[in-house]
Protein backbone atom coordinates (compact mmCIF):
# COMPACT_ATOMS: atom_id res chain seq x y z
CA MET A 1 111.37 67.64 105.92
CA ALA A 2 109.92 70.50 103.72
CA LYS A 3 110.74 73.67 103.78
CA TYR A 4 107.85 76.46 103.82
CA LEU A 5 107.36 80.18 102.93
CA ILE A 6 104.87 81.56 104.52
CA ILE A 7 103.02 84.18 102.86
CA LEU A 8 101.21 86.76 104.98
CA SER A 9 99.71 89.53 102.45
CA GLY A 10 96.75 92.18 102.04
CA PRO A 11 96.28 95.82 102.21
CA THR A 12 97.67 98.62 103.69
CA GLY A 13 96.93 99.16 107.50
CA VAL A 14 95.65 95.54 108.04
CA GLY A 15 98.13 94.75 111.11
CA LYS A 16 100.64 92.70 108.83
CA THR A 17 103.34 93.66 110.77
CA ASP A 18 102.55 92.86 114.37
CA LEU A 19 100.92 89.78 113.29
CA SER A 20 103.72 88.15 111.12
CA ILE A 21 106.07 89.29 114.56
CA GLY A 22 103.51 86.42 116.91
CA ILE A 23 103.22 83.84 114.18
CA ALA A 24 107.55 84.06 113.39
CA LYS A 25 108.02 83.52 116.92
CA HIS A 26 105.79 81.06 117.53
CA PHE A 27 107.57 79.00 114.61
CA GLY A 28 110.86 80.33 115.13
CA ALA A 29 111.32 82.00 112.07
CA GLU A 30 112.79 84.89 110.31
CA ILE A 31 110.84 87.70 108.44
CA LEU A 32 111.48 88.73 105.00
CA SER A 33 109.70 91.82 104.42
CA CYS A 34 107.93 92.42 100.40
CA ASP A 35 107.17 95.85 101.16
CA SER A 36 109.05 97.47 98.23
CA ARG A 37 109.40 101.18 100.01
CA GLN A 38 110.61 99.33 103.02
CA PHE A 39 113.79 98.60 101.24
CA TYR A 40 115.13 101.91 101.25
CA ARG A 41 116.67 103.03 104.37
CA GLU A 42 116.02 106.89 103.91
CA LEU A 43 112.71 106.13 104.24
CA GLY A 44 110.93 105.31 107.83
CA ILE A 45 107.72 106.68 109.17
CA GLY A 46 105.86 107.34 105.80
CA VAL A 47 106.06 103.60 105.12
CA ALA A 48 105.32 101.88 108.26
CA LYS A 49 108.15 99.78 108.80
CA PRO A 50 108.50 98.16 111.70
CA THR A 51 110.36 99.56 114.85
CA ALA A 52 113.51 99.07 116.20
CA GLU A 53 112.05 97.13 119.04
CA GLN A 54 109.72 94.52 117.06
CA MET A 55 113.18 93.65 114.89
CA LYS A 56 115.18 92.74 118.05
CA GLU A 57 111.99 90.39 118.41
CA VAL A 58 112.12 88.65 115.20
CA LYS A 59 114.85 88.95 112.93
CA HIS A 60 113.89 90.79 109.54
CA HIS A 61 115.24 90.94 106.32
CA PHE A 62 115.07 93.07 103.18
CA ILE A 63 113.89 96.38 105.50
CA ASP A 64 116.77 99.12 105.21
CA ASN A 65 119.08 97.30 102.19
CA VAL A 66 119.56 99.61 99.91
CA SER A 67 119.40 103.44 99.16
CA VAL A 68 116.63 105.75 97.60
CA THR A 69 119.88 106.55 95.06
CA GLU A 70 119.92 103.41 94.11
CA ARG A 71 117.51 101.49 91.66
CA TYR A 72 116.67 98.15 93.31
CA SER A 73 114.22 96.62 90.65
CA ILE A 74 112.09 93.62 91.11
CA TRP A 75 114.47 91.22 89.15
CA GLN A 76 117.00 92.23 91.98
CA TYR A 77 114.81 91.05 94.40
CA GLU A 78 113.70 88.15 93.52
CA SER A 79 117.23 87.18 92.94
CA ASP A 80 118.69 88.20 96.28
CA ALA A 81 115.45 86.73 98.01
CA THR A 82 115.36 83.56 96.46
CA ASN A 83 119.21 83.33 97.06
CA PHE A 84 118.70 83.61 100.64
CA LEU A 85 115.98 81.68 100.61
CA ASN A 86 118.31 78.83 99.57
CA SER A 87 120.46 79.69 101.97
CA TYR A 88 118.51 80.01 105.14
CA PHE A 89 116.22 76.77 104.67
CA LYS A 90 119.17 74.54 104.94
CA ALA A 91 118.95 75.24 108.56
CA SER A 92 115.51 75.94 108.86
CA ASP A 93 112.76 74.77 107.70
CA ILE A 94 110.07 77.87 108.12
CA ALA A 95 110.20 81.45 107.13
CA ILE A 96 107.73 83.90 107.45
CA MET A 97 106.78 86.61 103.84
CA CYS A 98 105.23 89.70 104.76
CA GLY A 99 103.94 92.87 103.16
CA GLY A 100 101.66 93.98 100.64
CA SER A 101 103.62 94.66 97.20
CA GLY A 102 102.24 91.69 95.29
CA LEU A 103 104.11 91.46 92.66
CA TYR A 104 107.46 91.31 94.31
CA ILE A 105 105.78 88.43 96.33
CA ASP A 106 104.54 86.80 93.17
CA ALA A 107 108.17 87.08 92.08
CA VAL A 108 109.77 85.00 94.56
CA CYS A 109 107.15 82.36 94.47
CA ASN A 110 106.97 81.98 90.82
CA GLY A 111 110.24 83.12 89.39
CA ILE A 112 109.69 86.45 86.42
CA ASP A 113 111.02 86.08 82.86
CA LEU A 114 114.66 87.52 82.84
CA MET A 115 114.84 90.97 81.27
CA PRO A 116 117.82 93.32 81.06
CA ASP A 117 117.48 96.73 83.21
CA PRO A 118 117.22 99.61 81.35
CA ASP A 119 119.79 101.36 79.63
CA PRO A 120 120.03 104.42 81.97
CA GLU A 121 119.67 106.82 79.39
CA ILE A 122 116.83 105.16 78.02
CA ARG A 123 115.06 105.24 81.07
CA GLN A 124 116.03 109.31 81.89
CA ASP A 125 114.13 109.70 78.22
CA VAL A 126 111.50 107.98 79.47
CA ILE A 127 110.83 109.45 82.90
CA ASN A 128 111.48 113.28 81.30
CA LEU A 129 108.48 111.93 78.82
CA TYR A 130 106.80 111.51 82.28
CA ASN A 131 107.67 114.31 84.21
CA GLU A 132 106.99 116.84 80.76
CA LYS A 133 103.95 115.42 79.26
CA GLY A 134 102.30 113.52 81.89
CA ILE A 135 100.43 109.74 82.37
CA GLU A 136 98.80 109.73 79.17
CA ALA A 137 101.89 110.70 77.02
CA LEU A 138 103.18 107.24 78.23
CA ARG A 139 100.21 105.57 77.62
CA PHE A 140 100.46 106.97 74.07
CA GLU A 141 103.66 105.86 73.61
CA LEU A 142 103.19 102.03 75.12
CA GLN A 143 100.08 101.75 73.11
CA ARG A 144 101.95 102.73 69.76
CA ILE A 145 104.78 100.32 70.61
CA ASP A 146 103.20 97.10 72.38
CA PRO A 147 99.26 97.10 72.10
CA VAL A 148 99.88 93.76 73.40
CA TYR A 149 101.07 95.09 76.85
CA TYR A 150 98.99 97.95 76.88
CA SER A 151 95.85 95.90 77.10
CA GLN A 152 97.35 93.88 80.55
CA VAL A 153 99.17 97.07 82.37
CA ASP A 154 97.43 98.73 85.34
CA LEU A 155 97.05 102.10 83.09
CA LYS A 156 97.00 104.09 86.32
CA ASN A 157 100.69 102.74 87.46
CA PRO A 158 103.19 104.66 85.52
CA GLN A 159 105.95 102.77 86.25
CA ARG A 160 104.80 99.68 84.80
CA ILE A 161 104.09 101.90 81.51
CA MET A 162 107.59 103.03 81.68
CA ARG A 163 108.91 99.77 82.63
CA GLY A 164 107.21 98.66 79.32
CA ILE A 165 108.26 101.57 76.94
CA GLU A 166 111.94 100.98 78.18
CA MET A 167 112.31 97.64 77.28
CA THR A 168 111.10 97.73 73.89
CA ARG A 169 112.92 100.94 73.23
CA GLN A 170 116.09 99.00 74.99
CA THR A 171 115.70 96.01 72.59
CA GLY A 172 113.50 96.58 69.76
CA LYS A 173 111.01 93.92 70.79
CA PRO A 174 107.79 94.59 72.59
CA PHE A 175 108.08 93.88 76.47
CA SER A 176 104.59 91.42 75.88
CA GLU A 177 107.29 89.21 74.59
CA PHE A 178 109.60 89.02 76.89
CA ARG A 179 106.53 87.80 79.19
CA THR A 180 105.72 84.22 78.80
CA ASN A 181 104.56 83.57 82.41
CA THR A 182 106.21 79.77 82.79
CA LYS A 183 106.43 78.97 86.41
CA ALA A 184 109.66 78.83 88.39
CA LYS A 185 111.12 75.74 89.88
CA ARG A 186 111.01 76.54 93.42
CA ASP A 187 112.42 74.11 96.64
CA PHE A 188 110.01 75.17 99.02
CA ASN A 189 106.06 75.07 99.32
CA THR A 190 104.53 78.13 100.06
CA ILE A 191 101.00 78.36 102.28
CA LYS A 192 99.63 82.12 101.39
CA PHE A 193 97.38 84.28 103.47
CA LEU A 194 95.71 87.49 102.12
CA ILE A 195 94.86 89.33 105.76
CA ASN A 196 92.22 91.27 105.24
CA ILE A 197 89.23 92.89 107.65
CA ASP A 198 85.71 94.74 106.86
CA ARG A 199 85.82 97.91 104.37
CA SER A 200 84.71 100.21 106.83
CA LYS A 201 87.40 99.19 109.56
CA LEU A 202 89.96 99.15 107.15
CA TYR A 203 89.57 102.80 106.50
CA ASP A 204 89.20 103.75 109.41
CA ARG A 205 92.53 101.66 110.36
CA ILE A 206 94.07 103.47 107.39
CA ASN A 207 93.11 106.89 108.48
CA ARG A 208 94.15 106.61 112.48
CA ARG A 209 97.39 104.87 110.48
CA VAL A 210 98.03 108.83 108.53
CA ASP A 211 97.19 110.13 111.76
CA ILE A 212 99.70 108.21 114.01
CA MET A 213 102.31 109.16 111.31
CA LEU A 214 102.15 112.81 111.91
CA GLU A 215 102.27 112.72 114.98
CA ARG A 216 105.53 110.85 115.02
CA GLY A 217 107.29 113.35 112.44
CA LEU A 218 106.34 112.57 109.17
CA VAL A 219 105.59 116.25 107.71
CA ASP A 220 109.60 116.56 109.32
CA GLU A 221 110.71 113.48 107.85
CA ALA A 222 109.16 114.35 104.22
CA ARG A 223 110.79 118.03 104.47
CA LYS A 224 114.20 116.20 104.88
CA LEU A 225 113.86 114.02 101.76
CA MET A 226 112.85 116.92 99.73
CA GLU A 227 115.96 116.92 97.50
CA TYR A 228 115.56 112.70 96.93
CA ARG A 229 112.00 113.83 95.62
CA ASN A 230 112.43 112.58 92.19
CA TYR A 231 113.97 109.71 92.65
CA THR A 232 111.26 106.79 92.33
CA ALA A 233 111.23 105.36 95.82
CA LEU A 234 109.99 109.23 96.33
CA HIS A 235 107.03 108.58 94.41
CA THR A 236 105.22 107.08 97.19
CA ILE A 237 102.05 107.93 98.80
CA GLY A 238 102.64 109.98 102.02
CA TYR A 239 105.62 111.84 100.43
CA THR A 240 104.24 113.33 97.52
CA GLU A 241 101.44 114.67 98.66
CA LEU A 242 103.43 116.56 101.53
CA PHE A 243 106.09 117.73 98.71
CA ASP A 244 102.61 119.46 96.89
CA TYR A 245 102.23 120.93 100.45
CA PHE A 246 105.61 122.13 100.42
CA ASP A 247 105.24 124.12 96.98
CA GLY A 248 102.09 126.13 97.68
CA LYS A 249 100.39 123.55 95.78
CA THR A 250 97.63 122.82 99.03
CA ASN A 251 97.54 123.39 102.56
CA LEU A 252 98.62 121.19 105.24
CA ASP A 253 95.27 119.86 106.19
CA GLU A 254 94.50 118.77 102.27
CA ALA A 255 97.53 117.46 102.17
CA VAL A 256 96.50 114.92 104.90
CA GLU A 257 93.03 114.11 103.69
CA LEU A 258 94.51 113.32 100.27
CA ILE A 259 97.38 111.22 101.99
CA LYS A 260 94.20 109.08 103.75
CA ARG A 261 92.25 108.76 100.81
CA ASN A 262 95.31 108.06 98.53
CA SER A 263 96.29 105.85 100.66
CA ARG A 264 92.43 103.91 100.83
CA ARG A 265 92.27 103.80 97.42
CA TYR A 266 95.76 101.72 97.42
CA ALA A 267 94.09 99.24 99.73
CA ARG A 268 91.65 98.42 97.10
CA ARG A 269 93.88 98.06 94.56
CA GLN A 270 96.35 95.26 96.81
CA ILE A 271 93.06 93.53 97.53
CA THR A 272 92.06 93.32 93.90
CA TRP A 273 95.23 92.17 93.09
CA PHE A 274 95.75 89.48 95.59
CA HIS A 275 92.07 88.48 95.05
CA ARG A 276 92.95 87.23 91.48
CA ASP A 277 95.58 84.63 93.05
CA LYS A 278 92.57 81.91 94.25
CA GLU A 279 95.58 80.03 96.28
CA TYR A 280 95.21 82.87 98.70
CA TYR A 281 93.28 82.44 102.06
CA GLU A 282 91.40 85.06 103.01
CA CYS A 283 91.50 85.74 106.52
CA ALA A 284 91.06 88.30 109.90
CA PRO A 285 94.18 88.95 111.11
CA ASP A 286 93.59 86.43 114.11
CA GLU A 287 96.74 85.06 115.45
CA ALA A 288 96.02 81.99 117.07
CA SER A 289 93.36 80.90 113.95
CA ILE A 290 96.44 81.48 111.47
CA ILE A 291 99.05 79.39 113.63
CA SER A 292 96.50 76.86 113.13
CA MET A 293 95.71 76.92 109.97
CA ILE A 294 99.29 76.88 109.40
CA SER A 295 100.03 73.85 111.49
CA GLU A 296 97.79 71.73 109.85
CA LYS A 297 99.02 72.79 106.42
CA LEU A 298 102.57 71.60 107.95
CA ASN A 299 100.95 67.88 109.54
């Protein structure tokens, strides 16, 4: 029988976790997280991980698998996830991938060009440039050394810009020349769903989810993570705004409003990202309807 990886993607707060558990239980499948912040075991409330009870209902993978002090690259995730699937599909026919990190989903489905991990000293130099002079300095440096990648990258995303600078400095070759966009061969099929709802309802859900996170202790969690604030994993909505509050740059009400606003903006960017891939079926978080569509595809 053919093997299928079912992708359940979509913006933050749309209800992917509950949906994925119901669908996985129906098909007797296991779930791979594709949320690039749920990998980190120190993060919890602020990244909306499945609860312990939810993870007992269905076996999950790639949650709490690394520490924030470790560098876990997209290349490592692609390798780990594809190796896992190759083993998993020997005994099972369907797996569920759930998350909103589109670049990581693409890496598993289509592969990613092979590039070395950056030299730690080069990486630190680039991080220092960002910390000392801000994102404008990163943009200027990338435009200077790799104008092709500069024209393609999300200029609001410092991590992507830094990656381009790191690779160009390390190899002496523009980062854009590594990006061949050659699709990797996979031994499984994919069925991709973009879970989405009316924009105003989505924003209401996001705002309410932030309120629930606060009720569950997000402020205390962020305070305990202050010592890790300079690690990449902590450059995350929900934590950075509270770090500014702890530093006295904002009050708590302002920090909460910023978390909500930045979460809504992030959701918009996610939707834009997924719309570029025409393989996605866009649909509401209706479990019965999605199960029916998957069953039809399988048959």
